[in-house]
Amino acid sequence: MSAGYVVFADSTIDLPAKLANELEIEVIPYIYTLDGKEYYNYLDYRDLSVRDFYDTLRSGKLSTTTQVTAHRYLEAWEPYLKDGKDVLYMCLSSKLSKSYDQSMMAAKEAMETYPNRKVITIDSKSASLGQGLLAIKAAKARSAGKTMEEAAKEVESVIPRLQYSVMADDLHHLKRGGRISGAKAAIGTVLNVKPILTITLEGALTPIGKARGRNKALALFLENLEKLEYAKDELMTIAHSDVPELAQQLSDMINEKFGKTDILINDIGPVIGAHTGPGTIAIMFISEKQERYNGN
């Protein structure tokens, strides 16, 4: 790593571990609790496989997550700061976790302790592979020789154009998170209604529509791709909660409708999956110029 700074992100970027390693993105694992036992959400799922995680959720067990503390941030950053490196950190949306506040506290303390070093923390206003796209942007900017400030500016310019379409399959997980009422969850389950959600420009998860069944939800995803003018020269991502065949179906539909597209498919990890539940599928992409769609 020849540049004078290190790109950091938390494990909610949901990138394949191999890709994160190749791009030299340092990853801080979130901690989650499943059926009373604590695990670290490493990108390679060394503590617990993603399949076992979702199977446990399907069996009715609950999972909870905790924010990354300022102490853990400092612990991860300090070896690099001591070595004369600066830190560019990509954080999960501040509307979805208090980790961003903790990272700001850690950055302030780090720069007081190492006055010749700089830490920039970015509120990604994103999650999962959308946040991952931003980490990739930062890593590629560094590889292209851009300064940390230039890389941060490039990432921040993309955030408003980062688009989300999310289909939740297990409505009871949304009910638990307060996204929908118990009555809507029960009725929606019976009628096979799939809520469509997005992450707003402010970084909050919110419903924007609904579809009867998975196929109609995927068709709606394609409509949004066209309407929001996705940037064809940018990487597109599909994230899923243990439904790889559905993710592949969506990828095939995109390629059939729009021609060959550069698409990265990967799992929604346990931290985000604890809130969305199994069966969720999401598409995240950068639009050509449109501001993030909030459903209006």
C-alpha atoms as a PDB file:
ATOM      1  CA  MET A   1       0.000   0.000   0.000  1.00  0.00           C
ATOM      2  CA  SER A   2       2.092   2.881  -1.293  1.00  0.00           C
ATOM      3  CA  ALA A   3      -0.398   5.745  -0.852  1.00  0.00           C
ATOM      4  CA  GLY A   4      -0.259   7.857   2.269  1.00  0.00           C
ATOM      5  CA  TYR A   5      -3.691   6.776   3.456  1.00  0.00           C
ATOM      6  CA  VAL A   6      -5.733   3.674   4.185  1.00  0.00           C
ATOM      7  CA  VAL A   7      -9.317   3.066   3.041  1.00  0.00           C
ATOM      8  CA  PHE A   8     -11.420   1.646   5.860  1.00  0.00           C
ATOM      9  CA  ALA A   9     -15.049   0.485   5.920  1.00  0.00           C
ATOM     10  CA  ASP A  10     -17.231  -1.591   8.178  1.00  0.00           C
ATOM     11  CA  SER A  11     -18.406  -5.092   7.287  1.00  0.00           C
ATOM     12  CA  THR A  12     -21.824  -3.781   6.267  1.00  0.00           C
ATOM     13  CA  ILE A  13     -20.281  -3.083   2.827  1.00  0.00           C
ATOM     14  CA  ASP A  14     -21.116  -6.774   2.083  1.00  0.00           C
ATOM     15  CA  LEU A  15     -18.369  -7.042  -0.568  1.00  0.00           C
ATOM     16  CA  PRO A  16     -16.839 -10.433  -1.347  1.00  0.00           C
ATOM     17  CA  ALA A  17     -13.835 -10.849   0.963  1.00  0.00           C
ATOM     18  CA  LYS A  18     -11.554 -11.580  -2.005  1.00  0.00           C
ATOM     19  CA  LEU A  19     -12.481  -8.310  -3.735  1.00  0.00           C
ATOM     20  CA  ALA A  20     -12.008  -6.253  -0.561  1.00  0.00           C
ATOM     21  CA  ASN A  21      -8.573  -7.834  -0.114  1.00  0.00           C
ATOM     22  CA  GLU A  22      -7.587  -7.175  -3.732  1.00  0.00           C
ATOM     23  CA  LEU A  23      -8.601  -3.516  -3.405  1.00  0.00           C
ATOM     24  CA  GLU A  24      -6.829  -3.256  -0.027  1.00  0.00           C
ATOM     25  CA  ILE A  25      -9.949  -2.113   1.802  1.00  0.00           C
ATOM     26  CA  GLU A  26      -9.497  -2.601   5.543  1.00  0.00           C
ATOM     27  CA  VAL A  27     -12.726  -3.880   7.086  1.00  0.00           C
ATOM     28  CA  ILE A  28     -13.926  -3.508  10.670  1.00  0.00           C
ATOM     29  CA  PRO A  29     -16.372  -6.319  11.496  1.00  0.00           C
ATOM     30  CA  TYR A  30     -19.639  -5.495  13.213  1.00  0.00           C
ATOM     31  CA  ILE A  31     -20.697  -7.723  16.094  1.00  0.00           C
ATOM     32  CA  TYR A  32     -24.101  -9.423  16.102  1.00  0.00           C
ATOM     33  CA  THR A  33     -25.888 -11.763  18.485  1.00  0.00           C
ATOM     34  CA  LEU A  34     -27.824 -14.775  17.200  1.00  0.00           C
ATOM     35  CA  ASP A  35     -29.837 -17.016  19.493  1.00  0.00           C
ATOM     36  CA  GLY A  36     -27.932 -15.649  22.481  1.00  0.00           C
ATOM     37  CA  LYS A  37     -24.436 -16.159  21.029  1.00  0.00           C
ATOM     38  CA  GLU A  38     -22.113 -13.400  19.839  1.00  0.00           C
ATOM     39  CA  TYR A  39     -20.417 -13.440  16.421  1.00  0.00           C
ATOM     40  CA  TYR A  40     -18.192 -11.158  14.346  1.00  0.00           C
ATOM     41  CA  ASN A  41     -19.483 -10.291  10.871  1.00  0.00           C
ATOM     42  CA  TYR A  42     -16.286 -10.896   8.871  1.00  0.00           C
ATOM     43  CA  LEU A  43     -16.698 -10.649   5.104  1.00  0.00           C
ATOM     44  CA  ASP A  44     -15.579 -14.276   4.735  1.00  0.00           C
ATOM     45  CA  TYR A  45     -18.128 -15.399   7.393  1.00  0.00           C
ATOM     46  CA  ARG A  46     -15.441 -17.298   9.307  1.00  0.00           C
ATOM     47  CA  ASP A  47     -17.480 -17.123  12.534  1.00  0.00           C
ATOM     48  CA  LEU A  48     -20.729 -18.424  11.013  1.00  0.00           C
ATOM     49  CA  SER A  49     -21.709 -19.107   7.408  1.00  0.00           C
ATOM     50  CA  VAL A  50     -24.322 -16.835   5.911  1.00  0.00           C
ATOM     51  CA  ARG A  51     -26.480 -19.872   5.066  1.00  0.00           C
ATOM     52  CA  ASP A  52     -26.458 -21.014   8.715  1.00  0.00           C
ATOM     53  CA  PHE A  53     -27.308 -17.486   9.798  1.00  0.00           C
ATOM     54  CA  TYR A  54     -30.429 -17.302   7.625  1.00  0.00           C
ATOM     55  CA  ASP A  55     -31.465 -20.874   8.432  1.00  0.00           C
ATOM     56  CA  THR A  56     -31.373 -19.908  12.108  1.00  0.00           C
ATOM     57  CA  LEU A  57     -33.572 -16.883  11.408  1.00  0.00           C
ATOM     58  CA  ARG A  58     -35.994 -19.093   9.488  1.00  0.00           C
ATOM     59  CA  SER A  59     -36.251 -21.358  12.522  1.00  0.00           C
ATOM     60  CA  GLY A  60     -37.646 -18.420  14.491  1.00  0.00           C
ATOM     61  CA  LYS A  61     -34.521 -17.314  16.359  1.00  0.00           C
ATOM     62  CA  LEU A  62     -33.713 -13.628  16.684  1.00  0.00           C
ATOM     63  CA  SER A  63     -30.591 -11.675  15.842  1.00  0.00           C
ATOM     64  CA  THR A  64     -29.542  -8.272  17.191  1.00  0.00           C
ATOM     65  CA  THR A  65     -26.662  -6.006  16.238  1.00  0.00           C
ATOM     66  CA  THR A  66     -24.486  -3.481  18.072  1.00  0.00           C
ATOM     67  CA  GLN A  67     -22.781  -0.338  16.843  1.00  0.00           C
ATOM     68  CA  VAL A  68     -19.029  -0.143  16.404  1.00  0.00           C
ATOM     69  CA  THR A  69     -17.589   1.754  19.373  1.00  0.00           C
ATOM     70  CA  ALA A  70     -15.074   4.589  19.257  1.00  0.00           C
ATOM     71  CA  HIS A  71     -12.626   2.317  21.083  1.00  0.00           C
ATOM     72  CA  ARG A  72     -12.825  -0.331  18.354  1.00  0.00           C
ATOM     73  CA  TYR A  73     -12.304   2.284  15.652  1.00  0.00           C
ATOM     74  CA  LEU A  74      -9.215   3.622  17.392  1.00  0.00           C
ATOM     75  CA  GLU A  75      -7.925   0.088  17.909  1.00  0.00           C
ATOM     76  CA  ALA A  76      -8.242  -0.607  14.155  1.00  0.00           C
ATOM     77  CA  TRP A  77      -6.821   2.719  12.959  1.00  0.00           C
ATOM     78  CA  GLU A  78      -3.958   3.187  15.391  1.00  0.00           C
ATOM     79  CA  PRO A  79      -1.379   0.827  13.818  1.00  0.00           C
ATOM     80  CA  TYR A  80      -1.690   2.748  10.531  1.00  0.00           C
ATOM     81  CA  LEU A  81      -1.605   6.174  12.196  1.00  0.00           C
ATOM     82  CA  LYS A  82       1.552   5.143  14.061  1.00  0.00           C
ATOM     83  CA  ASP A  83       3.015   4.054  10.730  1.00  0.00           C
ATOM     84  CA  GLY A  84       2.464   7.531   9.261  1.00  0.00           C
ATOM     85  CA  LYS A  85      -0.721   6.764   7.310  1.00  0.00           C
ATOM     86  CA  ASP A  86      -3.941   8.789   7.233  1.00  0.00           C
ATOM     87  CA  VAL A  87      -7.387   7.141   7.345  1.00  0.00           C
ATOM     88  CA  LEU A  88     -10.382   7.477   5.016  1.00  0.00           C
ATOM     89  CA  TYR A  89     -13.345   5.716   6.587  1.00  0.00           C
ATOM     90  CA  MET A  90     -16.658   4.750   4.915  1.00  0.00           C
ATOM     91  CA  CYS A  91     -19.404   4.333   7.528  1.00  0.00           C
ATOM     92  CA  LEU A  92     -22.848   2.718   7.478  1.00  0.00           C
ATOM     93  CA  SER A  93     -25.634   5.326   7.183  1.00  0.00           C
ATOM     94  CA  SER A  94     -26.014   7.412  10.335  1.00  0.00           C
ATOM     95  CA  LYS A  95     -29.786   6.900  10.021  1.00  0.00           C
ATOM     96  CA  LEU A  96     -29.333   3.138  10.399  1.00  0.00           C
ATOM     97  CA  SER A  97     -26.694   3.023  13.133  1.00  0.00           C
ATOM     98  CA  LYS A  98     -25.002   5.227  15.721  1.00  0.00           C
ATOM     99  CA  SER A  99     -21.606   3.960  14.536  1.00  0.00           C
ATOM    100  CA  TYR A 100     -21.046   7.161  12.553  1.00  0.00           C
ATOM    101  CA  ASP A 101     -21.251   9.241  15.747  1.00  0.00           C
ATOM    102  CA  GLN A 102     -18.748   6.865  17.344  1.00  0.00           C
ATOM    103  CA  SER A 103     -16.417   7.187  14.351  1.00  0.00           C
ATOM    104  CA  MET A 104     -16.500  10.981  14.628  1.00  0.00           C
ATOM    105  CA  MET A 105     -15.529  10.762  18.287  1.00  0.00           C
ATOM    106  CA  ALA A 106     -12.734   8.335  17.392  1.00  0.00           C
ATOM    107  CA  ALA A 107     -11.485  10.575  14.566  1.00  0.00           C
ATOM    108  CA  LYS A 108     -11.300  13.583  16.901  1.00  0.00           C
ATOM    109  CA  GLU A 109      -9.354  11.605  19.499  1.00  0.00           C
ATOM    110  CA  ALA A 110      -7.070  10.072  16.865  1.00  0.00           C
ATOM    111  CA  MET A 111      -6.093  13.470  15.450  1.00  0.00           C
ATOM    112  CA  GLU A 112      -5.476  14.851  18.954  1.00  0.00           C
ATOM    113  CA  THR A 113      -3.207  11.891  19.711  1.00  0.00           C
ATOM    114  CA  TYR A 114      -1.501  12.017  16.290  1.00  0.00           C
ATOM    115  CA  PRO A 115      -1.577  15.732  15.346  1.00  0.00           C
ATOM    116  CA  ASN A 116       0.346  15.110  12.112  1.00  0.00           C
ATOM    117  CA  ARG A 117      -2.201  12.581  10.882  1.00  0.00           C
ATOM    118  CA  LYS A 118      -5.686  13.059   9.411  1.00  0.00           C
ATOM    119  CA  VAL A 119      -8.843  10.940   9.651  1.00  0.00           C
ATOM    120  CA  ILE A 120     -11.809  11.591   7.337  1.00  0.00           C
ATOM    121  CA  THR A 121     -15.027   9.766   8.153  1.00  0.00           C
ATOM    122  CA  ILE A 122     -17.808   9.717   5.551  1.00  0.00           C
ATOM    123  CA  ASP A 123     -21.456   9.095   6.349  1.00  0.00           C
ATOM    124  CA  SER A 124     -22.246   6.881   3.355  1.00  0.00           C
ATOM    125  CA  LYS A 125     -26.012   7.356   3.804  1.00  0.00           C
ATOM    126  CA  SER A 126     -25.989   3.825   2.428  1.00  0.00           C
ATOM    127  CA  ALA A 127     -25.768   0.169   3.391  1.00  0.00           C
ATOM    128  CA  SER A 128     -24.767  -3.226   2.020  1.00  0.00           C
ATOM    129  CA  LEU A 129     -23.392  -3.274  -1.526  1.00  0.00           C
ATOM    130  CA  GLY A 130     -24.376   0.362  -2.061  1.00  0.00           C
ATOM    131  CA  GLN A 131     -21.942   1.253   0.704  1.00  0.00           C
ATOM    132  CA  GLY A 132     -19.605  -1.256  -0.921  1.00  0.00           C
ATOM    133  CA  LEU A 133     -19.727   0.673  -4.204  1.00  0.00           C
ATOM    134  CA  LEU A 134     -18.498   3.745  -2.344  1.00  0.00           C
ATOM    135  CA  ALA A 135     -15.642   1.807  -0.750  1.00  0.00           C
ATOM    136  CA  ILE A 136     -14.659   0.552  -4.215  1.00  0.00           C
ATOM    137  CA  LYS A 137     -14.717   4.156  -5.510  1.00  0.00           C
ATOM    138  CA  ALA A 138     -12.413   5.271  -2.702  1.00  0.00           C
ATOM    139  CA  ALA A 139      -9.986   2.374  -3.237  1.00  0.00           C
ATOM    140  CA  LYS A 140      -9.819   2.956  -6.998  1.00  0.00           C
ATOM    141  CA  ALA A 141      -9.296   6.687  -6.508  1.00  0.00           C
ATOM    142  CA  ARG A 142      -6.350   5.893  -4.241  1.00  0.00           C
ATOM    143  CA  SER A 143      -4.937   3.461  -6.814  1.00  0.00           C
ATOM    144  CA  ALA A 144      -5.228   6.212  -9.436  1.00  0.00           C
ATOM    145  CA  GLY A 145      -2.968   8.382  -7.304  1.00  0.00           C
ATOM    146  CA  LYS A 146      -5.614  10.725  -5.926  1.00  0.00           C
ATOM    147  CA  THR A 147      -5.105  12.308  -2.526  1.00  0.00           C
ATOM    148  CA  MET A 148      -7.309  11.332   0.391  1.00  0.00           C
ATOM    149  CA  GLU A 149      -9.206  14.618   0.082  1.00  0.00           C
ATOM    150  CA  GLU A 150      -9.755  14.035  -3.639  1.00  0.00           C
ATOM    151  CA  ALA A 151     -10.937  10.465  -3.004  1.00  0.00           C
ATOM    152  CA  ALA A 152     -13.335  11.654  -0.288  1.00  0.00           C
ATOM    153  CA  LYS A 153     -14.716  14.351  -2.602  1.00  0.00           C
ATOM    154  CA  GLU A 154     -15.267  11.784  -5.368  1.00  0.00           C
ATOM    155  CA  VAL A 155     -17.149   9.456  -2.995  1.00  0.00           C
ATOM    156  CA  GLU A 156     -19.297  12.284  -1.637  1.00  0.00           C
ATOM    157  CA  SER A 157     -20.217  13.355  -5.177  1.00  0.00           C
ATOM    158  CA  VAL A 158     -21.565   9.852  -5.895  1.00  0.00           C
ATOM    159  CA  ILE A 159     -23.644   9.435  -2.714  1.00  0.00           C
ATOM    160  CA  PRO A 160     -26.624  11.520  -3.971  1.00  0.00           C
ATOM    161  CA  ARG A 161     -26.794   9.433  -7.181  1.00  0.00           C
ATOM    162  CA  LEU A 162     -26.625   6.041  -5.471  1.00  0.00           C
ATOM    163  CA  GLN A 163     -29.998   4.357  -6.044  1.00  0.00           C
ATOM    164  CA  TYR A 164     -31.679   1.536  -4.094  1.00  0.00           C
ATOM    165  CA  SER A 165     -34.554  -0.837  -4.805  1.00  0.00           C
ATOM    166  CA  VAL A 166     -35.167  -3.420  -2.069  1.00  0.00           C
ATOM    167  CA  MET A 167     -37.770  -6.187  -1.907  1.00  0.00           C
ATOM    168  CA  ALA A 168     -38.369  -7.664   1.541  1.00  0.00           C
ATOM    169  CA  ASP A 169     -39.770 -11.191   1.616  1.00  0.00           C
ATOM    170  CA  ASP A 170     -40.201 -11.711   5.366  1.00  0.00           C
ATOM    171  CA  LEU A 171     -42.597  -8.981   6.481  1.00  0.00           C
ATOM    172  CA  HIS A 172     -42.333  -9.918  10.141  1.00  0.00           C
ATOM    173  CA  HIS A 173     -38.737  -8.701  10.192  1.00  0.00           C
ATOM    174  CA  LEU A 174     -39.928  -5.316   8.892  1.00  0.00           C
ATOM    175  CA  LYS A 175     -42.616  -5.287  11.589  1.00  0.00           C
ATOM    176  CA  ARG A 176     -39.982  -5.906  14.262  1.00  0.00           C
ATOM    177  CA  GLY A 177     -37.939  -2.998  12.932  1.00  0.00           C
ATOM    178  CA  GLY A 178     -40.958  -0.690  12.938  1.00  0.00           C
ATOM    179  CA  ARG A 179     -41.087  -0.320   9.138  1.00  0.00           C
ATOM    180  CA  ILE A 180     -44.651  -1.673   8.872  1.00  0.00           C
ATOM    181  CA  SER A 181     -47.460  -2.444  11.335  1.00  0.00           C
ATOM    182  CA  GLY A 182     -48.329  -5.916  12.611  1.00  0.00           C
ATOM    183  CA  ALA A 183     -51.605  -5.828  10.708  1.00  0.00           C
ATOM    184  CA  LYS A 184     -49.882  -4.953   7.422  1.00  0.00           C
ATOM    185  CA  ALA A 185     -47.342  -7.708   7.986  1.00  0.00           C
ATOM    186  CA  ALA A 186     -50.059 -10.293   8.556  1.00  0.00           C
ATOM    187  CA  ILE A 187     -52.227  -9.187   5.607  1.00  0.00           C
ATOM    188  CA  GLY A 188     -49.223  -8.823   3.297  1.00  0.00           C
ATOM    189  CA  THR A 189     -48.017 -12.327   4.124  1.00  0.00           C
ATOM    190  CA  VAL A 190     -51.407 -13.836   3.330  1.00  0.00           C
ATOM    191  CA  LEU A 191     -51.762 -11.883   0.067  1.00  0.00           C
ATOM    192  CA  ASN A 192     -48.118 -12.454  -0.995  1.00  0.00           C
ATOM    193  CA  VAL A 193     -47.540  -8.689  -1.102  1.00  0.00           C
ATOM    194  CA  LYS A 194     -43.867  -7.720  -1.221  1.00  0.00           C
ATOM    195  CA  PRO A 195     -43.007  -4.242   0.049  1.00  0.00           C
ATOM    196  CA  ILE A 196     -40.539  -2.282  -2.061  1.00  0.00           C
ATOM    197  CA  LEU A 197     -38.199  -0.062  -0.076  1.00  0.00           C
ATOM    198  CA  THR A 198     -35.372   2.352  -0.711  1.00  0.00           C
ATOM    199  CA  ILE A 199     -32.679   4.102   1.274  1.00  0.00           C
ATOM    200  CA  THR A 200     -33.453   7.795   1.077  1.00  0.00           C
ATOM    201  CA  LEU A 201     -31.018  10.607   0.355  1.00  0.00           C
ATOM    202  CA  GLU A 202     -30.882  11.142   4.116  1.00  0.00           C
ATOM    203  CA  GLY A 203     -29.866   7.481   4.551  1.00  0.00           C
ATOM    204  CA  ALA A 204     -33.075   6.062   6.066  1.00  0.00           C
ATOM    205  CA  LEU A 205     -34.808   2.855   4.963  1.00  0.00           C
ATOM    206  CA  THR A 206     -38.363   3.604   3.874  1.00  0.00           C
ATOM    207  CA  PRO A 207     -41.196   1.894   1.925  1.00  0.00           C
ATOM    208  CA  ILE A 208     -41.920   3.323  -1.538  1.00  0.00           C
ATOM    209  CA  GLY A 209     -44.358   0.785  -2.974  1.00  0.00           C
ATOM    210  CA  LYS A 210     -45.454  -2.834  -3.123  1.00  0.00           C
ATOM    211  CA  ALA A 211     -45.786  -5.691  -5.591  1.00  0.00           C
ATOM    212  CA  ARG A 212     -47.824  -8.897  -5.632  1.00  0.00           C
ATOM    213  CA  GLY A 213     -45.179 -11.623  -5.695  1.00  0.00           C
ATOM    214  CA  ARG A 214     -41.480 -11.763  -6.459  1.00  0.00           C
ATOM    215  CA  ASN A 215     -41.704 -11.618 -10.258  1.00  0.00           C
ATOM    216  CA  LYS A 216     -43.682  -8.379 -10.227  1.00  0.00           C
ATOM    217  CA  ALA A 217     -41.187  -6.941  -7.763  1.00  0.00           C
ATOM    218  CA  LEU A 218     -38.309  -7.760 -10.098  1.00  0.00           C
ATOM    219  CA  ALA A 219     -40.184  -6.219 -13.031  1.00  0.00           C
ATOM    220  CA  LEU A 220     -40.557  -3.057 -10.954  1.00  0.00           C
ATOM    221  CA  PHE A 221     -36.804  -3.065 -10.333  1.00  0.00           C
ATOM    222  CA  LEU A 222     -36.231  -3.023 -14.089  1.00  0.00           C
ATOM    223  CA  GLU A 223     -38.653  -0.114 -14.497  1.00  0.00           C
ATOM    224  CA  ASN A 224     -36.705   1.838 -11.884  1.00  0.00           C
ATOM    225  CA  LEU A 225     -33.414   1.100 -13.653  1.00  0.00           C
ATOM    226  CA  GLU A 226     -34.776   2.669 -16.820  1.00  0.00           C
ATOM    227  CA  LYS A 227     -36.513   5.553 -15.103  1.00  0.00           C
ATOM    228  CA  LEU A 228     -33.501   6.481 -12.998  1.00  0.00           C
ATOM    229  CA  GLU A 229     -31.072   6.279 -15.947  1.00  0.00           C
ATOM    230  CA  TYR A 230     -28.464   3.988 -14.443  1.00  0.00           C
ATOM    231  CA  ALA A 231     -24.884   4.805 -15.441  1.00  0.00           C
ATOM    232  CA  LYS A 232     -23.872   2.054 -17.854  1.00  0.00           C
ATOM    233  CA  ASP A 233     -20.148   2.541 -17.258  1.00  0.00           C
ATOM    234  CA  GLU A 234     -20.545   1.965 -13.511  1.00  0.00           C
ATOM    235  CA  LEU A 235     -20.633  -1.337 -11.616  1.00  0.00           C
ATOM    236  CA  MET A 236     -24.143  -2.478 -10.660  1.00  0.00           C
ATOM    237  CA  THR A 237     -24.753  -4.632  -7.591  1.00  0.00           C
ATOM    238  CA  ILE A 238     -27.370  -7.166  -6.516  1.00  0.00           C
ATOM    239  CA  ALA A 239     -27.484  -8.212  -2.870  1.00  0.00           C
ATOM    240  CA  HIS A 240     -29.615 -11.031  -1.513  1.00  0.00           C
ATOM    241  CA  SER A 241     -30.489 -12.780   1.749  1.00  0.00           C
ATOM    242  CA  ASP A 242     -29.812 -16.426   0.866  1.00  0.00           C
ATOM    243  CA  VAL A 243     -31.778 -16.440  -2.410  1.00  0.00           C
ATOM    244  CA  PRO A 244     -28.971 -16.781  -5.004  1.00  0.00           C
ATOM    245  CA  GLU A 245     -31.320 -18.138  -7.660  1.00  0.00           C
ATOM    246  CA  LEU A 246     -33.503 -15.021  -7.403  1.00  0.00           C
ATOM    247  CA  ALA A 247     -30.436 -12.783  -7.652  1.00  0.00           C
ATOM    248  CA  GLN A 248     -29.319 -14.637 -10.772  1.00  0.00           C
ATOM    249  CA  GLN A 249     -32.821 -14.345 -12.251  1.00  0.00           C
ATOM    250  CA  LEU A 250     -32.715 -10.570 -11.747  1.00  0.00           C
ATOM    251  CA  SER A 251     -29.229 -10.382 -13.271  1.00  0.00           C
ATOM    252  CA  ASP A 252     -30.407 -12.341 -16.324  1.00  0.00           C
ATOM    253  CA  MET A 253     -33.434 -10.057 -16.703  1.00  0.00           C
ATOM    254  CA  ILE A 254     -31.197  -6.971 -16.615  1.00  0.00           C
ATOM    255  CA  ASN A 255     -28.826  -8.390 -19.233  1.00  0.00           C
ATOM    256  CA  GLU A 256     -31.731  -9.386 -21.464  1.00  0.00           C
ATOM    257  CA  LYS A 257     -33.382  -5.971 -21.274  1.00  0.00           C
ATOM    258  CA  PHE A 258     -30.351  -3.658 -21.298  1.00  0.00           C
ATOM    259  CA  GLY A 259     -27.560  -5.741 -22.827  1.00  0.00           C
ATOM    260  CA  LYS A 260     -24.450  -6.983 -21.057  1.00  0.00           C
ATOM    261  CA  THR A 261     -24.073  -5.159 -17.764  1.00  0.00           C
ATOM    262  CA  ASP A 262     -21.265  -5.329 -15.204  1.00  0.00           C
ATOM    263  CA  ILE A 263     -23.098  -6.804 -12.208  1.00  0.00           C
ATOM    264  CA  LEU A 264     -21.673  -7.876  -8.854  1.00  0.00           C
ATOM    265  CA  ILE A 265     -23.849 -10.345  -6.918  1.00  0.00           C
ATOM    266  CA  ASN A 266     -23.200 -11.081  -3.249  1.00  0.00           C
ATOM    267  CA  ASP A 267     -24.898 -11.931   0.038  1.00  0.00           C
ATOM    268  CA  ILE A 268     -26.521  -9.481   2.398  1.00  0.00           C
ATOM    269  CA  GLY A 269     -24.445 -10.129   5.510  1.00  0.00           C
ATOM    270  CA  PRO A 270     -25.790 -10.909   8.985  1.00  0.00           C
ATOM    271  CA  VAL A 271     -25.769  -7.323  10.267  1.00  0.00           C
ATOM    272  CA  ILE A 272     -28.066  -5.929   7.557  1.00  0.00           C
ATOM    273  CA  GLY A 273     -29.818  -9.310   7.243  1.00  0.00           C
ATOM    274  CA  ALA A 274     -30.781  -9.241  10.923  1.00  0.00           C
ATOM    275  CA  HIS A 275     -33.125  -6.352  10.042  1.00  0.00           C
ATOM    276  CA  THR A 276     -34.309  -7.332   6.551  1.00  0.00           C
ATOM    277  CA  GLY A 277     -34.666 -11.089   7.129  1.00  0.00           C
ATOM    278  CA  PRO A 278     -34.193 -13.996   4.691  1.00  0.00           C
ATOM    279  CA  GLY A 279     -35.444 -13.785   1.110  1.00  0.00           C
ATOM    280  CA  THR A 280     -34.628 -10.100   0.644  1.00  0.00           C
ATOM    281  CA  ILE A 281     -33.201  -8.954  -2.672  1.00  0.00           C
ATOM    282  CA  ALA A 282     -31.857  -5.519  -3.508  1.00  0.00           C
ATOM    283  CA  ILE A 283     -30.365  -3.765  -6.482  1.00  0.00           C
ATOM    284  CA  MET A 284     -27.968  -0.862  -5.934  1.00  0.00           C
ATOM    285  CA  PHE A 285     -26.543   1.273  -8.699  1.00  0.00           C
ATOM    286  CA  ILE A 286     -25.293   4.725  -9.598  1.00  0.00           C
ATOM    287  CA  SER A 287     -27.571   6.798 -11.792  1.00  0.00           C
ATOM    288  CA  GLU A 288     -26.272   8.948 -14.617  1.00  0.00           C
ATOM    289  CA  LYS A 289     -27.296  12.219 -13.020  1.00  0.00           C
ATOM    290  CA  GLN A 290     -30.506  11.875 -11.049  1.00  0.00           C
ATOM    291  CA  GLU A 291     -30.631  12.487  -7.314  1.00  0.00           C
ATOM    292  CA  ARG A 292     -31.468   9.494  -5.137  1.00  0.00           C
ATOM    293  CA  TYR A 293     -35.099   8.434  -5.523  1.00  0.00           C
ATOM    294  CA  ASN A 294     -37.191   8.845  -2.360  1.00  0.00           C
ATOM    295  CA  GLY A 295     -40.426   7.520  -3.783  1.00  0.00           C
ATOM    296  CA  ASN A 296     -41.916  10.869  -4.755  1.00  0.00           C
END
